[in-house]
Amino acid sequence: MERLTKALESNGLFIVDDFQIQHDANGYSGEAINKLAKFENFYDDLIFKQSEISMGLEKLRFEGKTNSVKFKQLLTNKMTNHTILILLKTYGLQ
């Protein structure tokens, strides 16, 4: 992944080159804003999928299918997504 930001000394702030963003009457746009929007979409989708997975697991538990391949796959997906969410939280991205 190509990095668009540059660290501004050691104070935890970052900057982008002027050509990475543009300002107009509607707000800001450009490559840096598009990349941020894609990340936000990814995060929202991950949270939504966690909710869907939880409902699927609950349904399978209710049906007594906790030993099924489907249950195990959903549980694995939930744990994988949870690990990603923990990593994002570690970097302050929640």
PDB file of N, CA and C in Angstrom:
ATOM      1  N   MET A   1       0.849  -1.171   0.000  1.00  0.00           N
ATOM      2  CA  MET A   1       0.000   0.000   0.000  1.00  0.00           C
ATOM      3  C   MET A   1       0.893   1.233   0.000  1.00  0.00           C
ATOM      4  N   GLU A   2       0.591   2.137  -0.874  1.00  0.00           N
ATOM      5  CA  GLU A   2       1.340   3.385  -0.925  1.00  0.00           C
ATOM      6  C   GLU A   2       0.890   4.291   0.214  1.00  0.00           C
ATOM      7  N   ARG A   3       1.839   4.770   0.969  1.00  0.00           N
ATOM      8  CA  ARG A   3       1.535   5.655   2.091  1.00  0.00           C
ATOM      9  C   ARG A   3       1.358   7.078   1.579  1.00  0.00           C
ATOM     10  N   LEU A   4       0.290   7.742   2.001  1.00  0.00           N
ATOM     11  CA  LEU A   4       0.019   9.111   1.581  1.00  0.00           C
ATOM     12  C   LEU A   4       0.438  10.130   2.627  1.00  0.00           C
ATOM     13  N   THR A   5       0.552   9.708   3.870  1.00  0.00           N
ATOM     14  CA  THR A   5       0.863  10.637   4.954  1.00  0.00           C
ATOM     15  C   THR A   5       2.343  10.603   5.305  1.00  0.00           C
ATOM     16  N   LYS A   6       2.771  11.699   5.917  1.00  0.00           N
ATOM     17  CA  LYS A   6       4.143  11.795   6.421  1.00  0.00           C
ATOM     18  C   LYS A   6       4.061  12.239   7.877  1.00  0.00           C
ATOM     19  N   ALA A   7       4.869  11.614   8.719  1.00  0.00           N
ATOM     20  CA  ALA A   7       4.887  11.979  10.138  1.00  0.00           C
ATOM     21  C   ALA A   7       5.465  13.381  10.285  1.00  0.00           C
ATOM     22  N   LEU A   8       4.855  14.154  11.162  1.00  0.00           N
ATOM     23  CA  LEU A   8       5.301  15.514  11.453  1.00  0.00           C
ATOM     24  C   LEU A   8       6.056  15.470  12.769  1.00  0.00           C
ATOM     25  N   GLU A   9       7.360  15.264  12.675  1.00  0.00           N
ATOM     26  CA  GLU A   9       8.244  15.097  13.824  1.00  0.00           C
ATOM     27  C   GLU A   9       7.758  13.935  14.684  1.00  0.00           C
ATOM     28  N   SER A  10       7.770  14.079  15.994  1.00  0.00           N
ATOM     29  CA  SER A  10       7.403  12.949  16.855  1.00  0.00           C
ATOM     30  C   SER A  10       6.193  13.252  17.733  1.00  0.00           C
ATOM     31  N   ASN A  11       5.329  14.165  17.287  1.00  0.00           N
ATOM     32  CA  ASN A  11       4.181  14.549  18.118  1.00  0.00           C
ATOM     33  C   ASN A  11       2.894  13.809  17.754  1.00  0.00           C
ATOM     34  N   GLY A  12       2.994  12.792  16.904  1.00  0.00           N
ATOM     35  CA  GLY A  12       1.820  12.001  16.561  1.00  0.00           C
ATOM     36  C   GLY A  12       0.933  12.615  15.493  1.00  0.00           C
ATOM     37  N   LEU A  13       1.359  13.716  14.895  1.00  0.00           N
ATOM     38  CA  LEU A  13       0.579  14.341  13.835  1.00  0.00           C
ATOM     39  C   LEU A  13       1.149  13.959  12.474  1.00  0.00           C
ATOM     40  N   PHE A  14       0.284  14.002  11.471  1.00  0.00           N
ATOM     41  CA  PHE A  14       0.677  13.629  10.120  1.00  0.00           C
ATOM     42  C   PHE A  14       0.206  14.683   9.134  1.00  0.00           C
ATOM     43  N   ILE A  15       0.884  14.763   8.002  1.00  0.00           N
ATOM     44  CA  ILE A  15       0.510  15.688   6.940  1.00  0.00           C
ATOM     45  C   ILE A  15       0.456  14.926   5.620  1.00  0.00           C
ATOM     46  N   VAL A  16      -0.194  15.535   4.635  1.00  0.00           N
ATOM     47  CA  VAL A  16      -0.184  15.009   3.269  1.00  0.00           C
ATOM     48  C   VAL A  16       0.263  16.137   2.351  1.00  0.00           C
ATOM     49  N   ASP A  17       0.817  15.767   1.212  1.00  0.00           N
ATOM     50  CA  ASP A  17       1.191  16.774   0.223  1.00  0.00           C
ATOM     51  C   ASP A  17      -0.063  17.459  -0.302  1.00  0.00           C
ATOM     52  N   ASP A  18       0.078  18.718  -0.729  1.00  0.00           N
ATOM     53  CA  ASP A  18      -1.065  19.494  -1.220  1.00  0.00           C
ATOM     54  C   ASP A  18      -1.808  18.806  -2.356  1.00  0.00           C
ATOM     55  N   PHE A  19      -1.088  18.101  -3.225  1.00  0.00           N
ATOM     56  CA  PHE A  19      -1.756  17.477  -4.366  1.00  0.00           C
ATOM     57  C   PHE A  19      -2.611  16.277  -3.952  1.00  0.00           C
ATOM     58  N   GLN A  20      -2.500  15.818  -2.692  1.00  0.00           N
ATOM     59  CA  GLN A  20      -3.288  14.678  -2.211  1.00  0.00           C
ATOM     60  C   GLN A  20      -4.713  15.068  -1.810  1.00  0.00           C
ATOM     61  N   ILE A  21      -4.939  16.361  -1.574  1.00  0.00           N
ATOM     62  CA  ILE A  21      -6.277  16.826  -1.198  1.00  0.00           C
ATOM     63  C   ILE A  21      -6.599  18.118  -1.940  1.00  0.00           C
ATOM     64  N   GLN A  22      -7.874  18.318  -2.192  1.00  0.00           N
ATOM     65  CA  GLN A  22      -8.352  19.552  -2.803  1.00  0.00           C
ATOM     66  C   GLN A  22      -9.535  20.053  -1.982  1.00  0.00           C
ATOM     67  N   HIS A  23      -9.699  21.371  -1.950  1.00  0.00           N
ATOM     68  CA  HIS A  23     -10.807  21.967  -1.210  1.00  0.00           C
ATOM     69  C   HIS A  23     -11.700  22.713  -2.185  1.00  0.00           C
ATOM     70  N   ASP A  24     -13.008  22.527  -2.026  1.00  0.00           N
ATOM     71  CA  ASP A  24     -13.973  23.304  -2.797  1.00  0.00           C
ATOM     72  C   ASP A  24     -15.164  23.616  -1.896  1.00  0.00           C
ATOM     73  N   ALA A  25     -16.228  24.137  -2.466  1.00  0.00           N
ATOM     74  CA  ALA A  25     -17.395  24.549  -1.675  1.00  0.00           C
ATOM     75  C   ALA A  25     -18.044  23.388  -0.929  1.00  0.00           C
ATOM     76  N   ASN A  26     -17.867  22.162  -1.410  1.00  0.00           N
ATOM     77  CA  ASN A  26     -18.478  20.992  -0.773  1.00  0.00           C
ATOM     78  C   ASN A  26     -17.625  20.379   0.325  1.00  0.00           C
ATOM     79  N   GLY A  27     -16.392  20.813   0.463  1.00  0.00           N
ATOM     80  CA  GLY A  27     -15.487  20.241   1.460  1.00  0.00           C
ATOM     81  C   GLY A  27     -14.185  19.831   0.814  1.00  0.00           C
ATOM     82  N   TYR A  28     -13.634  18.721   1.270  1.00  0.00           N
ATOM     83  CA  TYR A  28     -12.343  18.245   0.778  1.00  0.00           C
ATOM     84  C   TYR A  28     -12.528  16.976  -0.044  1.00  0.00           C
ATOM     85  N   SER A  29     -11.632  16.795  -1.009  1.00  0.00           N
ATOM     86  CA  SER A  29     -11.630  15.584  -1.821  1.00  0.00           C
ATOM     87  C   SER A  29     -10.192  15.289  -2.220  1.00  0.00           C
ATOM     88  N   GLY A  30     -10.008  14.200  -2.916  1.00  0.00           N
ATOM     89  CA  GLY A  30      -8.674  13.835  -3.370  1.00  0.00           C
ATOM     90  C   GLY A  30      -8.304  12.429  -2.934  1.00  0.00           C
ATOM     91  N   GLU A  31      -7.107  12.020  -3.303  1.00  0.00           N
ATOM     92  CA  GLU A  31      -6.665  10.653  -3.050  1.00  0.00           C
ATOM     93  C   GLU A  31      -6.640  10.314  -1.555  1.00  0.00           C
ATOM     94  N   ALA A  32      -6.160  11.246  -0.734  1.00  0.00           N
ATOM     95  CA  ALA A  32      -6.095  10.985   0.713  1.00  0.00           C
ATOM     96  C   ALA A  32      -7.495  10.830   1.310  1.00  0.00           C
ATOM     97  N   ILE A  33      -8.429  11.653   0.878  1.00  0.00           N
ATOM     98  CA  ILE A  33      -9.807  11.572   1.379  1.00  0.00           C
ATOM     99  C   ILE A  33     -10.462  10.277   0.903  1.00  0.00           C
ATOM    100  N   ASN A  34     -10.214   9.902  -0.347  1.00  0.00           N
ATOM    101  CA  ASN A  34     -10.777   8.650  -0.873  1.00  0.00           C
ATOM    102  C   ASN A  34     -10.263   7.442  -0.102  1.00  0.00           C
ATOM    103  N   LYS A  35      -8.980   7.462   0.237  1.00  0.00           N
ATOM    104  CA  LYS A  35      -8.404   6.340   0.991  1.00  0.00           C
ATOM    105  C   LYS A  35      -9.019   6.285   2.392  1.00  0.00           C
ATOM    106  N   LEU A  36      -9.217   7.437   3.015  1.00  0.00           N
ATOM    107  CA  LEU A  36      -9.866   7.479   4.325  1.00  0.00           C
ATOM    108  C   LEU A  36     -11.285   6.926   4.232  1.00  0.00           C
ATOM    109  N   ALA A  37     -12.016   7.319   3.197  1.00  0.00           N
ATOM    110  CA  ALA A  37     -13.394   6.839   3.023  1.00  0.00           C
ATOM    111  C   ALA A  37     -13.426   5.321   2.837  1.00  0.00           C
ATOM    112  N   LYS A  38     -12.485   4.783   2.083  1.00  0.00           N
ATOM    113  CA  LYS A  38     -12.421   3.330   1.893  1.00  0.00           C
ATOM    114  C   LYS A  38     -12.156   2.623   3.216  1.00  0.00           C
ATOM    115  N   PHE A  39     -11.278   3.204   4.035  1.00  0.00           N
ATOM    116  CA  PHE A  39     -11.023   2.604   5.344  1.00  0.00           C
ATOM    117  C   PHE A  39     -12.286   2.646   6.201  1.00  0.00           C
ATOM    118  N   GLU A  40     -12.972   3.795   6.213  1.00  0.00           N
ATOM    119  CA  GLU A  40     -14.196   3.913   7.009  1.00  0.00           C
ATOM    120  C   GLU A  40     -15.256   2.917   6.540  1.00  0.00           C
ATOM    121  N   ASN A  41     -15.367   2.721   5.230  1.00  0.00           N
ATOM    122  CA  ASN A  41     -16.306   1.725   4.692  1.00  0.00           C
ATOM    123  C   ASN A  41     -15.921   0.321   5.141  1.00  0.00           C
ATOM    124  N   PHE A  42     -14.628   0.017   5.104  1.00  0.00           N
ATOM    125  CA  PHE A  42     -14.126  -1.277   5.566  1.00  0.00           C
ATOM    126  C   PHE A  42     -14.494  -1.496   7.034  1.00  0.00           C
ATOM    127  N   TYR A  43     -14.257  -0.495   7.874  1.00  0.00           N
ATOM    128  CA  TYR A  43     -14.533  -0.609   9.303  1.00  0.00           C
ATOM    129  C   TYR A  43     -16.035  -0.817   9.544  1.00  0.00           C
ATOM    130  N   ASP A  44     -16.867   0.000   8.887  1.00  0.00           N
ATOM    131  CA  ASP A  44     -18.320  -0.143   9.045  1.00  0.00           C
ATOM    132  C   ASP A  44     -18.785  -1.534   8.625  1.00  0.00           C
ATOM    133  N   ASP A  45     -18.245  -2.035   7.528  1.00  0.00           N
ATOM    134  CA  ASP A  45     -18.607  -3.365   7.037  1.00  0.00           C
ATOM    135  C   ASP A  45     -18.177  -4.447   8.022  1.00  0.00           C
ATOM    136  N   LEU A  46     -17.000  -4.286   8.600  1.00  0.00           N
ATOM    137  CA  LEU A  46     -16.498  -5.254   9.577  1.00  0.00           C
ATOM    138  C   LEU A  46     -17.416  -5.310  10.805  1.00  0.00           C
ATOM    139  N   ILE A  47     -17.832  -4.157  11.301  1.00  0.00           N
ATOM    140  CA  ILE A  47     -18.744  -4.100  12.452  1.00  0.00           C
ATOM    141  C   ILE A  47     -20.087  -4.744  12.090  1.00  0.00           C
ATOM    142  N   PHE A  48     -20.605  -4.433  10.905  1.00  0.00           N
ATOM    143  CA  PHE A  48     -21.876  -5.008  10.464  1.00  0.00           C
ATOM    144  C   PHE A  48     -21.778  -6.527  10.354  1.00  0.00           C
ATOM    145  N   LYS A  49     -20.684  -7.006   9.778  1.00  0.00           N
ATOM    146  CA  LYS A  49     -20.506  -8.453   9.622  1.00  0.00           C
ATOM    147  C   LYS A  49     -20.402  -9.150  10.976  1.00  0.00           C
ATOM    148  N   GLN A  50     -19.773  -8.505  11.949  1.00  0.00           N
ATOM    149  CA  GLN A  50     -19.699  -9.098  13.285  1.00  0.00           C
ATOM    150  C   GLN A  50     -21.101  -9.308  13.851  1.00  0.00           C
ATOM    151  N   SER A  51     -21.960  -8.339  13.638  1.00  0.00           N
ATOM    152  CA  SER A  51     -23.341  -8.452  14.114  1.00  0.00           C
ATOM    153  C   SER A  51     -24.077  -9.588  13.394  1.00  0.00           C
ATOM    154  N   GLU A  52     -23.906  -9.667  12.080  1.00  0.00           N
ATOM    155  CA  GLU A  52     -24.530 -10.749  11.310  1.00  0.00           C
ATOM    156  C   GLU A  52     -24.031 -12.117  11.763  1.00  0.00           C
ATOM    157  N   ILE A  53     -22.726 -12.219  11.978  1.00  0.00           N
ATOM    158  CA  ILE A  53     -22.135 -13.488  12.414  1.00  0.00           C
ATOM    159  C   ILE A  53     -22.693 -13.892  13.772  1.00  0.00           C
ATOM    160  N   SER A  54     -22.798 -12.931  14.687  1.00  0.00           N
ATOM    161  CA  SER A  54     -23.340 -13.226  16.020  1.00  0.00           C
ATOM    162  C   SER A  54     -24.758 -13.771  15.926  1.00  0.00           C
ATOM    163  N   MET A  55     -25.568 -13.170  15.060  1.00  0.00           N
ATOM    164  CA  MET A  55     -26.942 -13.659  14.892  1.00  0.00           C
ATOM    165  C   MET A  55     -26.950 -15.066  14.295  1.00  0.00           C
ATOM    166  N   GLY A  56     -26.068 -15.317  13.330  1.00  0.00           N
ATOM    167  CA  GLY A  56     -25.978 -16.649  12.730  1.00  0.00           C
ATOM    168  C   GLY A  56     -25.546 -17.696  13.736  1.00  0.00           C
ATOM    169  N   LEU A  57     -24.577 -17.344  14.575  1.00  0.00           N
ATOM    170  CA  LEU A  57     -24.113 -18.270  15.612  1.00  0.00           C
ATOM    171  C   LEU A  57     -25.222 -18.560  16.616  1.00  0.00           C
ATOM    172  N   GLU A  58     -25.950 -17.518  17.000  1.00  0.00           N
ATOM    173  CA  GLU A  58     -27.040 -17.699  17.963  1.00  0.00           C
ATOM    174  C   GLU A  58     -28.117 -18.624  17.395  1.00  0.00           C
ATOM    175  N   LYS A  59     -28.431 -18.448  16.109  1.00  0.00           N
ATOM    176  CA  LYS A  59     -29.429 -19.306  15.457  1.00  0.00           C
ATOM    177  C   LYS A  59     -28.967 -20.764  15.461  1.00  0.00           C
ATOM    178  N   LEU A  60     -27.711 -20.987  15.109  1.00  0.00           N
ATOM    179  CA  LEU A  60     -27.189 -22.354  15.088  1.00  0.00           C
ATOM    180  C   LEU A  60     -27.140 -22.956  16.495  1.00  0.00           C
ATOM    181  N   ARG A  61     -26.812 -22.144  17.501  1.00  0.00           N
ATOM    182  CA  ARG A  61     -26.830 -22.637  18.891  1.00  0.00           C
ATOM    183  C   ARG A  61     -28.240 -23.074  19.274  1.00  0.00           C
ATOM    184  N   PHE A  62     -29.221 -22.240  18.930  1.00  0.00           N
ATOM    185  CA  PHE A  62     -30.619 -22.539  19.238  1.00  0.00           C
ATOM    186  C   PHE A  62     -31.056 -23.844  18.571  1.00  0.00           C
ATOM    187  N   GLU A  63     -30.528 -24.099  17.366  1.00  0.00           N
ATOM    188  CA  GLU A  63     -30.874 -25.312  16.619  1.00  0.00           C
ATOM    189  C   GLU A  63     -30.031 -26.513  17.043  1.00  0.00           C
ATOM    190  N   GLY A  64     -29.109 -26.317  17.979  1.00  0.00           N
ATOM    191  CA  GLY A  64     -28.262 -27.407  18.445  1.00  0.00           C
ATOM    192  C   GLY A  64     -27.202 -27.828  17.441  1.00  0.00           C
ATOM    193  N   LYS A  65     -26.781 -26.913  16.594  1.00  0.00           N
ATOM    194  CA  LYS A  65     -25.814 -27.233  15.539  1.00  0.00           C
ATOM    195  C   LYS A  65     -24.429 -26.650  15.825  1.00  0.00           C
ATOM    196  N   THR A  66     -24.017 -26.725  17.085  1.00  0.00           N
ATOM    197  CA  THR A  66     -22.718 -26.146  17.445  1.00  0.00           C
ATOM    198  C   THR A  66     -21.534 -26.972  16.955  1.00  0.00           C
ATOM    199  N   ASN A  67     -21.769 -28.180  16.494  1.00  0.00           N
ATOM    200  CA  ASN A  67     -20.681 -29.003  15.952  1.00  0.00           C
ATOM    201  C   ASN A  67     -20.651 -28.993  14.425  1.00  0.00           C
ATOM    202  N   SER A  68     -21.499 -28.187  13.810  1.00  0.00           N
ATOM    203  CA  SER A  68     -21.559 -28.156  12.347  1.00  0.00           C
ATOM    204  C   SER A  68     -20.383 -27.362  11.767  1.00  0.00           C
ATOM    205  N   VAL A  69     -20.081 -27.648  10.520  1.00  0.00           N
ATOM    206  CA  VAL A  69     -19.020 -26.924   9.811  1.00  0.00           C
ATOM    207  C   VAL A  69     -19.383 -25.443   9.710  1.00  0.00           C
ATOM    208  N   LYS A  70     -20.641 -25.153   9.442  1.00  0.00           N
ATOM    209  CA  LYS A  70     -21.113 -23.764   9.325  1.00  0.00           C
ATOM    210  C   LYS A  70     -20.853 -23.003  10.622  1.00  0.00           C
ATOM    211  N   PHE A  71     -21.175 -23.609  11.754  1.00  0.00           N
ATOM    212  CA  PHE A  71     -20.955 -22.965  13.047  1.00  0.00           C
ATOM    213  C   PHE A  71     -19.468 -22.690  13.251  1.00  0.00           C
ATOM    214  N   LYS A  72     -18.647 -23.684  12.966  1.00  0.00           N
ATOM    215  CA  LYS A  72     -17.201 -23.532  13.161  1.00  0.00           C
ATOM    216  C   LYS A  72     -16.626 -22.461  12.242  1.00  0.00           C
ATOM    217  N   GLN A  73     -17.124 -22.391  11.007  1.00  0.00           N
ATOM    218  CA  GLN A  73     -16.651 -21.370  10.073  1.00  0.00           C
ATOM    219  C   GLN A  73     -17.058 -19.981  10.545  1.00  0.00           C
ATOM    220  N   LEU A  74     -18.302 -19.831  10.982  1.00  0.00           N
ATOM    221  CA  LEU A  74     -18.758 -18.536  11.491  1.00  0.00           C
ATOM    222  C   LEU A  74     -17.958 -18.120  12.722  1.00  0.00           C
ATOM    223  N   LEU A  75     -17.699 -19.070  13.615  1.00  0.00           N
ATOM    224  CA  LEU A  75     -16.924 -18.770  14.814  1.00  0.00           C
ATOM    225  C   LEU A  75     -15.505 -18.336  14.443  1.00  0.00           C
ATOM    226  N   THR A  76     -14.905 -19.010  13.471  1.00  0.00           N
ATOM    227  CA  THR A  76     -13.574 -18.634  13.000  1.00  0.00           C
ATOM    228  C   THR A  76     -13.593 -17.232  12.396  1.00  0.00           C
ATOM    229  N   ASN A  77     -14.607 -16.937  11.596  1.00  0.00           N
ATOM    230  CA  ASN A  77     -14.735 -15.600  11.008  1.00  0.00           C
ATOM    231  C   ASN A  77     -14.878 -14.536  12.088  1.00  0.00           C
ATOM    232  N   LYS A  78     -15.685 -14.844  13.109  1.00  0.00           N
ATOM    233  CA  LYS A  78     -15.886 -13.883  14.194  1.00  0.00           C
ATOM    234  C   LYS A  78     -14.577 -13.624  14.933  1.00  0.00           C
ATOM    235  N   MET A  79     -13.813 -14.670  15.193  1.00  0.00           N
ATOM    236  CA  MET A  79     -12.539 -14.496  15.904  1.00  0.00           C
ATOM    237  C   MET A  79     -11.539 -13.725  15.044  1.00  0.00           C
ATOM    238  N   THR A  80     -11.515 -13.999  13.746  1.00  0.00           N
ATOM    239  CA  THR A  80     -10.619 -13.273  12.840  1.00  0.00           C
ATOM    240  C   THR A  80     -10.983 -11.793  12.809  1.00  0.00           C
ATOM    241  N   ASN A  81     -12.262 -11.499  12.644  1.00  0.00           N
ATOM    242  CA  ASN A  81     -12.716 -10.106  12.639  1.00  0.00           C
ATOM    243  C   ASN A  81     -12.409  -9.426  13.967  1.00  0.00           C
ATOM    244  N   HIS A  82     -12.594 -10.148  15.059  1.00  0.00           N
ATOM    245  CA  HIS A  82     -12.308  -9.591  16.382  1.00  0.00           C
ATOM    246  C   HIS A  82     -10.823  -9.239  16.509  1.00  0.00           C
ATOM    247  N   THR A  83      -9.964 -10.085  15.987  1.00  0.00           N
ATOM    248  CA  THR A  83      -8.528  -9.813  16.015  1.00  0.00           C
ATOM    249  C   THR A  83      -8.211  -8.547  15.221  1.00  0.00           C
ATOM    250  N   ILE A  84      -8.839  -8.385  14.066  1.00  0.00           N
ATOM    251  CA  ILE A  84      -8.641  -7.173  13.265  1.00  0.00           C
ATOM    252  C   ILE A  84      -9.112  -5.951  14.041  1.00  0.00           C
ATOM    253  N   LEU A  85     -10.265  -6.045  14.690  1.00  0.00           N
ATOM    254  CA  LEU A  85     -10.787  -4.923  15.476  1.00  0.00           C
ATOM    255  C   LEU A  85      -9.852  -4.565  16.628  1.00  0.00           C
ATOM    256  N   ILE A  86      -9.254  -5.569  17.264  1.00  0.00           N
ATOM    257  CA  ILE A  86      -8.293  -5.311  18.340  1.00  0.00           C
ATOM    258  C   ILE A  86      -7.073  -4.575  17.789  1.00  0.00           C
ATOM    259  N   LEU A  87      -6.578  -5.004  16.637  1.00  0.00           N
ATOM    260  CA  LEU A  87      -5.439  -4.318  16.016  1.00  0.00           C
ATOM    261  C   LEU A  87      -5.784  -2.869  15.695  1.00  0.00           C
ATOM    262  N   LEU A  88      -6.966  -2.642  15.147  1.00  0.00           N
ATOM    263  CA  LEU A  88      -7.384  -1.279  14.840  1.00  0.00           C
ATOM    264  C   LEU A  88      -7.468  -0.436  16.107  1.00  0.00           C
ATOM    265  N   LYS A  89      -8.009  -1.017  17.173  1.00  0.00           N
ATOM    266  CA  LYS A  89      -8.109  -0.302  18.447  1.00  0.00           C
ATOM    267  C   LYS A  89      -6.722   0.019  18.996  1.00  0.00           C
ATOM    268  N   THR A  90      -5.780  -0.910  18.839  1.00  0.00           N
ATOM    269  CA  THR A  90      -4.408  -0.696  19.296  1.00  0.00           C
ATOM    270  C   THR A  90      -3.803   0.542  18.640  1.00  0.00           C
ATOM    271  N   TYR A  91      -4.155   0.781  17.384  1.00  0.00           N
ATOM    272  CA  TYR A  91      -3.638   1.936  16.649  1.00  0.00           C
ATOM    273  C   TYR A  91      -4.564   3.148  16.743  1.00  0.00           C
ATOM    274  N   GLY A  92      -5.558   3.088  17.623  1.00  0.00           N
ATOM    275  CA  GLY A  92      -6.460   4.217  17.818  1.00  0.00           C
ATOM    276  C   GLY A  92      -7.470   4.397  16.695  1.00  0.00           C
ATOM    277  N   LEU A  93      -7.766   3.339  15.982  1.00  0.00           N
ATOM    278  CA  LEU A  93      -8.671   3.405  14.830  1.00  0.00           C
ATOM    279  C   LEU A  93      -9.959   2.657  15.124  1.00  0.00           C
ATOM    280  N   GLN A  94     -10.754   3.181  16.009  1.00  0.00           N
ATOM    281  CA  GLN A  94     -12.023   2.533  16.338  1.00  0.00           C
ATOM    282  C   GLN A  94     -13.152   3.503  16.215  1.00  0.00           C
TER     283      GLN A  94
END
